[in-house]
Amino acid sequence: MACAKDGPLAILRDDGTVFIAVNGTMPDTPKNRKLLPYAGQRVTATGKEYIRTGLHLLTIETITAAK
């Protein structure tokens, strides 16, 4: 949990794509607060997807535990 508070958390999609959750403003900042309660769990997340400098980014609109 200490590492999660200091660095960006990511979402791993079923196809292997790793998404870094960001706030969508410049400069981008990690959205760990939204992801921290779900660390290590499967989730369903919606938002806008971007690719910047080879990284997949996601602005999270909703996130819930997967069923």
C-alpha atoms as a PDB file:
ATOM      1  CA  MET A   1       0.000   0.000   0.000  1.00  0.00           C
ATOM      2  CA  ALA A   2       2.913   2.362   0.664  1.00  0.00           C
ATOM      3  CA  CYS A   3       4.112   1.945  -2.929  1.00  0.00           C
ATOM      4  CA  ALA A   4       0.597   2.553  -4.234  1.00  0.00           C
ATOM      5  CA  LYS A   5       0.387   5.851  -2.395  1.00  0.00           C
ATOM      6  CA  ASP A   6       3.672   7.103  -3.889  1.00  0.00           C
ATOM      7  CA  GLY A   7       3.541   5.846  -7.476  1.00  0.00           C
ATOM      8  CA  PRO A   8       0.903   5.555 -10.158  1.00  0.00           C
ATOM      9  CA  LEU A   9      -1.472   2.617 -10.025  1.00  0.00           C
ATOM     10  CA  ALA A  10      -2.502   0.919 -13.237  1.00  0.00           C
ATOM     11  CA  ILE A  11      -5.378  -1.091 -14.648  1.00  0.00           C
ATOM     12  CA  LEU A  12      -4.569  -4.251 -16.584  1.00  0.00           C
ATOM     13  CA  ARG A  13      -7.130  -4.948 -19.294  1.00  0.00           C
ATOM     14  CA  ASP A  14      -7.930  -8.565 -20.246  1.00  0.00           C
ATOM     15  CA  ASP A  15      -6.020  -8.147 -23.541  1.00  0.00           C
ATOM     16  CA  GLY A  16      -2.826  -7.242 -21.615  1.00  0.00           C
ATOM     17  CA  THR A  17      -3.003  -3.465 -22.151  1.00  0.00           C
ATOM     18  CA  VAL A  18      -1.860  -1.527 -19.081  1.00  0.00           C
ATOM     19  CA  PHE A  19      -3.621   1.781 -18.410  1.00  0.00           C
ATOM     20  CA  ILE A  20      -2.346   4.517 -16.123  1.00  0.00           C
ATOM     21  CA  ALA A  21      -5.255   6.444 -14.608  1.00  0.00           C
ATOM     22  CA  VAL A  22      -4.849  10.223 -14.958  1.00  0.00           C
ATOM     23  CA  ASN A  23      -6.964  13.280 -14.260  1.00  0.00           C
ATOM     24  CA  GLY A  24      -7.004  14.527 -17.865  1.00  0.00           C
ATOM     25  CA  THR A  25      -5.485  17.939 -17.182  1.00  0.00           C
ATOM     26  CA  MET A  26      -1.992  19.187 -17.830  1.00  0.00           C
ATOM     27  CA  PRO A  27       0.210  18.190 -16.244  1.00  0.00           C
ATOM     28  CA  ASP A  28      -1.343  14.744 -15.845  1.00  0.00           C
ATOM     29  CA  THR A  29      -1.339  13.424 -12.320  1.00  0.00           C
ATOM     30  CA  PRO A  30      -2.105   9.878 -11.147  1.00  0.00           C
ATOM     31  CA  LYS A  31      -5.605   9.125  -9.875  1.00  0.00           C
ATOM     32  CA  ASN A  32      -4.536   6.762  -7.098  1.00  0.00           C
ATOM     33  CA  ARG A  33      -7.357   7.816  -4.776  1.00  0.00           C
ATOM     34  CA  LYS A  34      -9.940   6.334  -7.135  1.00  0.00           C
ATOM     35  CA  LEU A  35      -7.942   3.131  -7.674  1.00  0.00           C
ATOM     36  CA  LEU A  36      -6.525   2.473  -4.205  1.00  0.00           C
ATOM     37  CA  PRO A  37      -9.720   0.869  -2.788  1.00  0.00           C
ATOM     38  CA  TYR A  38      -9.614  -1.638  -5.672  1.00  0.00           C
ATOM     39  CA  ALA A  39      -5.908  -2.538  -5.561  1.00  0.00           C
ATOM     40  CA  GLY A  40      -5.448  -6.186  -6.496  1.00  0.00           C
ATOM     41  CA  GLN A  41      -9.086  -6.633  -7.563  1.00  0.00           C
ATOM     42  CA  ARG A  42     -10.869  -6.957 -10.901  1.00  0.00           C
ATOM     43  CA  VAL A  43     -12.729  -3.769 -11.784  1.00  0.00           C
ATOM     44  CA  THR A  44     -15.010  -2.335 -14.421  1.00  0.00           C
ATOM     45  CA  ALA A  45     -13.865   1.165 -15.348  1.00  0.00           C
ATOM     46  CA  THR A  46     -15.214   3.680 -17.841  1.00  0.00           C
ATOM     47  CA  GLY A  47     -13.564   6.826 -19.087  1.00  0.00           C
ATOM     48  CA  LYS A  48     -11.694   8.378 -21.961  1.00  0.00           C
ATOM     49  CA  GLU A  49      -8.691   6.513 -23.331  1.00  0.00           C
ATOM     50  CA  TYR A  50      -5.542   8.244 -24.607  1.00  0.00           C
ATOM     51  CA  ILE A  51      -2.160   7.137 -25.870  1.00  0.00           C
ATOM     52  CA  ARG A  52       0.682   9.539 -25.106  1.00  0.00           C
ATOM     53  CA  THR A  53       4.357   8.765 -25.722  1.00  0.00           C
ATOM     54  CA  GLY A  54       3.493   5.080 -25.959  1.00  0.00           C
ATOM     55  CA  LEU A  55       1.618   4.956 -22.655  1.00  0.00           C
ATOM     56  CA  HIS A  56      -2.057   4.078 -22.433  1.00  0.00           C
ATOM     57  CA  LEU A  57      -3.846   6.568 -20.185  1.00  0.00           C
ATOM     58  CA  LEU A  58      -7.413   6.511 -18.842  1.00  0.00           C
ATOM     59  CA  THR A  59      -9.410   9.320 -17.299  1.00  0.00           C
ATOM     60  CA  ILE A  60     -11.677   7.369 -14.962  1.00  0.00           C
ATOM     61  CA  GLU A  61     -15.312   8.428 -15.017  1.00  0.00           C
ATOM     62  CA  THR A  62     -16.655   5.421 -13.106  1.00  0.00           C
ATOM     63  CA  ILE A  63     -15.018   2.457 -11.409  1.00  0.00           C
ATOM     64  CA  THR A  64     -16.682  -0.467  -9.627  1.00  0.00           C
ATOM     65  CA  ALA A  65     -15.686  -3.901  -8.466  1.00  0.00           C
ATOM     66  CA  ALA A  66     -16.190  -6.445 -11.269  1.00  0.00           C
ATOM     67  CA  LYS A  67     -18.917  -9.026 -10.823  1.00  0.00           C
END
